[in-house]
Protein backbone atom coordinates (compact mmCIF):
# COMPACT_ATOMS: atom_id res chain seq x y z
CA MET A 1 104.97 59.24 101.05
CA ALA A 2 102.71 62.10 100.08
CA SER A 3 102.72 65.25 102.14
CA ASN A 4 99.59 66.14 104.09
CA GLU A 5 100.28 69.86 103.71
CA THR A 6 98.07 71.85 101.39
CA LYS A 7 99.12 74.96 99.51
CA SER A 8 97.34 77.11 102.07
CA ASP A 9 99.42 75.53 104.83
CA VAL A 10 102.72 76.32 103.18
CA LYS A 11 104.22 79.81 103.65
CA MET A 12 105.64 80.78 100.29
CA GLU A 13 109.05 82.41 100.46
CA VAL A 14 109.09 85.35 98.08
CA LYS A 15 112.38 87.09 97.37
CA VAL A 16 111.75 90.75 98.10
CA ASP A 17 114.02 93.43 96.65
CA VAL A 18 113.63 95.99 99.41
CA LYS A 19 116.19 98.52 98.17
CA ASN A 20 114.60 98.82 94.73
CA ASP A 21 111.02 98.90 95.98
CA PRO A 22 109.45 102.29 95.10
CA ARG A 23 107.87 102.49 98.55
CA PHE A 24 111.27 102.06 100.22
CA LYS A 25 112.77 104.75 97.98
CA GLN A 26 109.90 107.06 98.93
CA GLY A 27 110.81 106.60 102.60
CA LEU A 28 114.45 107.47 101.86
CA SER A 29 113.29 110.60 100.04
CA LEU A 30 111.29 111.65 103.12
CA MET A 31 114.39 111.14 105.28
CA LYS A 32 116.52 113.29 102.98
CA SER A 33 113.86 116.01 103.14
CA GLY A 34 114.02 115.99 106.93
CA LYS A 35 110.44 114.69 107.24
CA PHE A 36 111.38 112.18 109.91
CA GLU A 37 107.93 111.71 111.38
CA GLU A 38 106.42 110.94 107.98
CA ALA A 39 109.39 108.71 107.17
CA SER A 40 109.03 106.72 110.40
CA GLU A 41 105.32 106.17 109.79
CA HIS A 42 105.99 105.22 106.17
CA PHE A 43 108.75 102.71 107.02
CA GLY A 44 106.66 101.27 109.85
CA GLU A 45 103.68 100.64 107.58
CA LEU A 46 105.89 99.25 104.83
CA LEU A 47 107.63 96.91 107.26
CA THR A 48 104.28 95.56 108.47
CA VAL A 49 103.13 94.91 104.91
CA MET A 50 106.37 93.30 103.74
CA VAL A 51 106.90 90.91 106.64
CA THR A 52 103.28 89.76 106.84
CA GLU A 53 103.73 87.17 104.11
CA ASN A 54 107.48 86.73 104.39
CA ASN A 55 110.06 85.64 106.93
CA GLU A 56 110.64 88.67 109.15
CA THR A 57 114.14 87.44 110.04
CA ASP A 58 115.29 87.31 106.42
CA PRO A 59 118.44 89.50 106.01
CA THR A 60 116.68 91.04 102.99
CA PHE A 61 114.68 93.16 105.42
CA ALA A 62 117.71 94.50 107.30
CA PRO A 63 117.73 97.87 105.40
CA LEU A 64 114.05 98.38 106.23
CA TYR A 65 114.54 97.68 109.94
CA PHE A 66 117.57 99.99 109.92
CA HIS A 67 115.83 102.95 108.28
CA TYR A 68 112.69 102.57 110.39
CA GLY A 69 114.74 102.63 113.59
CA SER A 70 116.96 105.42 112.27
CA ALA A 71 113.94 107.56 111.35
CA ILE A 72 112.54 107.28 114.89
CA LEU A 73 115.97 108.11 116.30
CA ALA A 74 116.21 111.15 114.02
CA LEU A 75 112.92 112.37 115.48
CA LEU A 76 114.33 112.07 119.00
CA GLU A 77 117.55 113.83 117.99
CA ASN A 78 115.71 116.74 116.42
CA GLU A 79 113.34 117.49 119.26
CA SER A 80 113.71 121.06 120.47
CA ASP A 81 114.79 121.87 124.00
CA ASP A 82 111.73 122.33 126.21
CA LEU A 83 113.45 124.99 128.36
CA GLY A 84 112.78 127.71 125.81
CA ALA A 85 109.11 126.79 125.70
CA PHE A 86 109.09 126.62 129.50
CA ASP A 87 110.47 130.16 129.90
CA ALA A 88 108.14 131.53 127.23
CA ALA A 89 105.13 129.88 128.86
CA LEU A 90 105.91 131.36 132.26
CA ALA A 91 106.52 134.79 130.76
CA SER A 92 103.13 134.66 129.06
CA VAL A 93 101.26 134.09 132.33
CA SER A 94 101.48 137.72 133.43
CA ALA A 95 100.49 138.99 129.99
CA ARG A 96 97.38 136.80 129.86
CA ASN A 97 96.41 137.73 133.41
CA ALA A 98 96.60 141.43 132.50
CA GLU A 99 94.68 141.07 129.26
CA GLU A 100 91.96 138.66 130.41
CA GLY A 101 91.68 139.57 134.04
CA LYS A 102 92.61 136.04 135.12
CA THR A 103 94.60 135.08 138.19
CA GLU A 104 96.49 132.08 136.83
CA THR A 105 99.57 131.57 138.99
CA ILE A 106 103.06 130.54 137.98
CA ALA A 107 102.64 127.48 140.18
CA GLU A 108 99.58 126.40 138.19
CA LYS A 109 101.40 126.90 134.91
CA LEU A 110 104.42 125.06 136.25
CA ALA A 111 102.24 122.07 137.21
CA GLU A 112 100.74 122.08 133.72
CA ILE A 113 104.19 122.11 132.07
CA ILE A 114 105.53 119.37 134.35
CA ALA A 115 102.54 117.15 133.52
CA ALA A 116 103.07 117.69 129.79
CA ASP A 117 106.80 117.00 130.17
CA LYS A 118 106.11 113.74 132.02
CA GLU A 119 103.81 112.60 129.24
CA LYS A 120 106.41 113.50 126.63
CA ARG A 121 109.14 111.60 128.49
CA ASN A 122 106.93 108.51 128.55
CA GLU A 123 106.43 108.82 124.80
CA ASP A 124 110.17 109.26 124.27
CA GLU A 125 110.92 106.10 126.25
CA LYS A 126 108.53 104.16 124.00
CA ASP A 127 110.16 105.67 120.91
CA ILE A 128 113.62 104.76 122.24
CA GLU A 129 112.50 101.17 122.77
CA VAL A 130 111.00 100.87 119.27
CA ALA A 131 114.08 102.45 117.68
CA TRP A 132 116.37 100.08 119.58
CA GLU A 133 114.30 97.00 118.65
CA ASN A 134 114.49 97.83 114.94
CA LEU A 135 118.15 98.85 114.87
CA GLU A 136 119.04 95.75 116.88
CA MET A 137 117.06 93.57 114.47
CA ALA A 138 118.95 95.17 111.56
CA ARG A 139 122.24 94.42 113.32
CA LEU A 140 121.28 90.80 113.93
CA LEU A 141 120.18 90.30 110.31
CA TYR A 142 123.32 91.85 108.85
CA SER A 143 125.40 89.71 111.22
CA LYS A 144 123.64 86.57 109.96
CA ILE A 145 124.96 87.01 106.43
CA VAL A 146 127.66 84.37 105.91
CA HIS A 147 129.53 86.09 103.07
CA PRO A 148 128.62 89.78 103.31
CA SER A 149 129.32 92.15 100.47
CA ARG A 150 131.20 95.41 101.03
CA ASP A 151 127.88 97.29 101.07
CA GLU A 152 126.48 94.92 103.69
CA ARG A 153 129.56 95.32 105.88
CA LEU A 154 129.29 99.08 105.58
CA ALA A 155 125.57 98.85 106.44
CA LEU A 156 126.41 96.81 109.56
CA ALA A 157 128.92 99.48 110.61
CA LYS A 158 126.30 102.21 110.09
CA THR A 159 123.87 100.23 112.22
CA HIS A 160 126.37 100.11 115.09
CA ASP A 161 126.90 103.86 114.61
CA ARG A 162 123.18 104.60 114.99
CA LEU A 163 122.95 102.28 118.00
CA ALA A 164 125.75 104.33 119.56
CA ASP A 165 123.73 107.50 118.87
CA LEU A 166 120.71 105.91 120.52
CA HIS A 167 122.68 104.93 123.61
CA SER A 168 124.10 108.46 123.72
CA ILE A 169 120.72 110.20 123.95
CA ASN A 170 119.74 107.65 126.58
CA SER A 171 122.89 108.43 128.64
CA ASN A 172 124.02 104.80 128.33
CA ASP A 173 127.76 105.46 128.12
CA SER A 174 128.86 101.82 128.26
CA GLY A 175 126.53 101.13 125.33
CA VAL A 176 128.16 103.94 123.34
CA VAL A 177 131.61 102.45 124.00
CA GLU A 178 130.52 98.96 122.93
CA GLU A 179 128.92 100.09 119.68
CA ILE A 180 131.82 102.33 118.61
CA GLU A 181 134.38 99.63 119.42
CA THR A 182 132.43 97.17 117.28
CA GLU A 183 131.94 99.65 114.43
CA ILE A 184 135.69 100.25 114.31
CA ARG A 185 136.37 96.50 114.20
CA VAL A 186 133.91 96.03 111.33
CA LEU A 187 135.25 98.96 109.29
CA SER A 188 138.91 98.11 109.90
CA LYS A 189 138.47 94.99 107.78
CA PHE A 190 137.85 96.91 104.57
CA ILE A 191 138.71 100.60 104.86
CA PRO A 192 142.04 102.30 105.64
CA GLU A 193 142.69 103.55 109.15
CA ALA A 194 144.04 106.87 107.88
CA CYS A 195 140.73 108.37 106.78
CA GLU A 196 138.61 111.01 108.44
CA HIS A 197 135.76 108.68 109.28
CA MET A 198 137.97 106.26 111.22
CA ALA A 199 139.79 109.12 112.98
CA ASP A 200 136.46 110.65 113.98
CA LEU A 201 135.28 107.31 115.34
CA GLN A 202 138.45 106.85 117.39
CA LEU A 203 138.12 110.38 118.79
CA ARG A 204 134.51 109.64 119.67
CA LEU A 205 135.65 106.47 121.45
CA MET A 206 138.32 108.45 123.29
CA LEU A 207 135.63 110.84 124.52
CA ALA A 208 133.31 107.97 125.45
CA TYR A 209 135.99 106.39 127.63
CA CYS A 210 136.44 109.73 129.42
CA THR A 211 132.68 110.11 129.90
CA CYS A 212 132.50 106.66 131.49
CA ALA A 213 135.47 107.55 133.70
CA GLY A 214 133.68 110.64 134.98
CA LYS A 215 130.47 108.92 136.04
CA ASP A 216 129.37 109.08 139.67
CA GLY A 217 130.07 105.98 141.72
CA ILE A 218 132.93 104.67 139.60
CA SER A 219 136.04 103.58 141.49
CA VAL A 220 139.31 105.47 141.13
CA GLU A 221 140.96 102.34 139.72
CA ASP A 222 138.33 101.86 137.02
CA ALA A 223 138.31 105.57 136.17
CA SER A 224 142.10 105.52 135.78
CA MET A 225 141.90 102.44 133.56
CA LEU A 226 139.37 104.10 131.26
CA ARG A 227 141.45 107.28 131.00
CA LYS A 228 144.50 105.21 130.06
CA MET A 229 142.45 103.45 127.39
CA ALA A 230 141.49 106.87 126.03
CA LEU A 231 145.10 108.03 126.14
CA GLY A 232 146.17 104.89 124.29
CA LEU A 233 144.24 106.12 121.25
CA GLU A 234 146.03 109.47 121.03
CA LYS A 235 149.03 108.44 118.94
CA LYS A 236 146.95 106.36 116.53
CA ILE A 237 144.48 109.18 115.89
CA LEU A 238 147.16 111.86 115.45
CA ASN A 239 149.16 109.69 113.03
CA SER A 240 146.04 109.16 110.92
CA LEU A 241 145.11 112.84 110.92
CA ARG A 242 148.64 113.93 109.95
CA GLU A 243 148.69 111.43 107.11
CA ILE A 244 145.41 112.87 105.86
CA ILE A 245 146.84 116.40 106.03
CA GLY A 246 149.87 115.21 104.04
CA ARG A 247 147.64 113.85 101.29
CA ILE A 248 145.64 117.07 101.15
CA ASP A 249 148.81 119.20 100.99
CA SER A 250 150.23 117.04 98.20
CA SER A 251 147.01 117.43 96.25
CA LEU A 252 146.89 121.21 96.82
CA SER A 253 150.50 121.62 95.64
CA GLY A 254 149.71 119.82 92.40
CA GLU A 255 151.79 116.77 93.22
CA LYS A 256 150.64 113.30 92.31
CA LYS A 257 147.72 112.15 94.42
CA PHE A 258 148.21 109.65 97.15
CA ALA A 259 148.39 106.12 95.74
CA TYR A 260 144.94 104.88 94.85
CA ASP A 261 143.96 102.01 97.14
CA GLU A 262 142.84 99.18 94.86
CA ASN A 263 140.98 97.60 97.78
CA LEU A 264 138.53 100.51 97.80
CA THR A 265 135.86 101.30 95.26
CA ALA A 266 135.69 104.75 93.70
CA GLU A 267 132.59 105.45 95.79
CA GLU A 268 134.42 104.47 98.98
CA HIS A 269 137.36 106.74 98.11
CA LYS A 270 134.92 109.61 97.88
CA MET A 271 132.96 108.50 100.97
CA PHE A 272 136.02 108.32 103.20
CA GLU A 273 137.79 111.27 101.51
CA TYR A 274 140.84 109.07 101.15
CA ASP A 275 142.60 110.30 98.01
CA GLY A 276 142.61 114.07 98.55
CA GLY A 277 140.01 114.62 95.84
CA GLY A 278 137.57 117.51 95.46
CA THR A 279 137.88 121.17 94.51
CA GLU A 280 140.63 123.34 95.95
CA GLU A 281 138.12 125.02 98.26
CA GLU A 282 136.87 121.64 99.49
CA LYS A 283 140.44 120.50 100.16
CA LYS A 284 141.20 123.63 102.18
CA GLU A 285 138.00 123.21 104.17
CA ARG A 286 138.83 119.56 104.79
CA LYS A 287 142.33 120.46 105.96
CA LYS A 288 140.88 123.06 108.34
CA ARG A 289 138.52 120.44 109.75
CA VAL A 290 141.30 117.89 110.22
CA LEU A 291 143.57 120.47 111.92
CA THR A 292 140.73 121.21 114.34
CA SER A 293 140.51 117.50 115.13
CA VAL A 294 144.27 117.42 115.79
CA THR A 295 143.87 120.24 118.30
CA ASP A 296 140.90 118.50 119.95
CA VAL A 297 142.85 115.26 120.39
CA GLU A 298 145.94 117.02 121.79
CA GLN A 299 143.89 119.06 124.25
CA LEU A 300 141.89 116.05 125.41
CA ALA A 301 145.05 113.99 125.89
CA CYS A 302 146.60 116.84 127.89
CA LEU A 303 143.58 116.96 130.21
CA ILE A 304 143.68 113.19 130.70
CA ARG A 305 147.39 113.29 131.60
CA GLU A 306 146.78 116.09 134.08
CA GLU A 307 143.99 114.12 135.75
CA LEU A 308 146.06 110.94 135.95
CA LYS A 309 149.04 112.88 137.30
CA LYS A 310 146.81 114.47 139.94
CA LEU A 311 145.53 111.05 141.03
CA LYS A 312 149.06 109.71 141.19
CA ASN A 313 150.28 112.64 143.30
CA GLU A 314 147.34 112.13 145.66
CA GLY A 315 148.41 108.52 146.06
CA LYS A 316 145.14 107.19 144.63
CA THR A 317 146.94 105.21 141.94
CA SER A 318 150.46 103.84 141.87
CA GLU A 319 150.49 103.12 138.15
CA GLY A 320 152.02 105.27 135.43
CA PHE A 321 149.86 107.67 133.47
CA ASP A 322 151.34 107.53 129.97
CA GLY A 323 150.10 104.08 129.06
CA GLY A 324 146.85 102.72 127.78
CA GLU A 325 147.90 100.02 125.36
CA LYS A 326 147.64 97.20 127.89
CA ALA A 327 144.35 98.35 129.37
CA SER A 328 141.39 96.01 129.25
CA ASN A 329 138.71 96.49 126.61
CA THR A 330 136.03 95.81 129.19
CA THR A 331 134.59 98.90 130.81
CA PRO A 332 133.61 98.90 134.50
CA GLU A 333 129.95 99.19 133.55
CA LYS A 334 130.19 96.16 131.28
CA ARG A 335 131.76 94.12 134.08
CA LYS A 336 129.01 95.16 136.51
CA LEU A 337 126.34 94.17 134.01
CA GLU A 338 127.99 90.83 133.35
CA ASN A 339 128.28 90.15 137.10
CA GLY A 340 124.66 91.07 137.69
CA SER A 341 125.52 93.95 140.03
CA ALA A 342 124.00 96.71 137.94
CA GLU A 343 121.01 97.26 135.68
CA PRO A 344 121.19 98.88 132.22
CA THR A 345 119.45 102.23 131.79
CA VAL A 346 116.36 101.40 129.72
CA LEU A 347 118.31 99.90 126.85
CA PRO A 348 119.99 96.50 127.18
CA VAL A 349 123.64 96.47 126.09
CA LYS A 350 124.29 92.74 126.39
CA ARG A 351 124.26 90.95 123.07
CA LYS A 352 122.48 87.77 122.20
CA LYS A 353 124.84 84.80 122.01
CA GLU A 354 124.15 84.05 118.38
CA ALA A 355 124.96 87.64 117.42
CA HIS A 356 128.46 87.30 118.84
CA GLU A 357 128.97 84.05 116.97
CA ASN A 358 127.89 85.55 113.66
CA GLU A 359 129.81 88.83 114.06
CA ASN A 360 133.17 87.12 113.45
CA LYS A 361 131.98 86.14 109.98
CA VAL A 362 131.87 89.77 108.88
């Protein structure tokens, strides 16, 4: 039976090589140069052109969605604090009044600044939404890949990392926790735990748990649970950091480098600073950085223990305060969202069902 479709009715699927497209590379160059506004406009226009005649949900476009969303996020992250401009504007009122004989009041200037700030906040909310939509689309597309390559798994992890950054500037602490937890799960399948990147992620998660625990309105029980979850990461992070220091010391002393991990590419060894490579100065600087992280973890853990001990002495919790390993991975905010008793702050943190199903394939 002959088909009734004509050539004009059929949407031709064209395999697009996004990463090697000169226009895509130009956008990356703008990002590296710190021209985030130009980069966001460039990626946005390129995305519109590329998906017009192609399937917009093809995983091929995941890098483009990622970099478009990341460019917008970079703009938000690099915005200067308005307080300096606010103070300068108020200080200039008197000077202008003296020079021009005007009687502009501070109240009038304040109203003008508040109006401008309100407009800017509205623009930021739109930017946050667009950044989230594109980063979330990148995450969904990377998650759809049945047999992802190492680069694609790393790209998925980076996408979760940028989503965590987005939730952070939007004060969505439960979203930060979810993204970092997922990023760690993705990376743990193909990179060693004892590398700086993983240790930094776990420290960031430790801090995120504490931030959630300190939010207004949270119950003492839930706050204690989150602090124990944070405390449960202490030993793992310190062990990783001390192993890294050992590798750096061995390399500095001229001993044989730490065994090369055949599961990692040469690029990944360099990326995760896993084999103690680099110049002597770089190794010393790396060791200094890692030692600082050790101090940060120890101090944070000490503060958590003090807080839990205080709660226990006040009779607000009858549980021990040295645990954490058996604590639930579900934060109080996640449970409230799932039970319909709370609304997310601007950005949704609940995942689409199909995304969860595909994530296990990575």
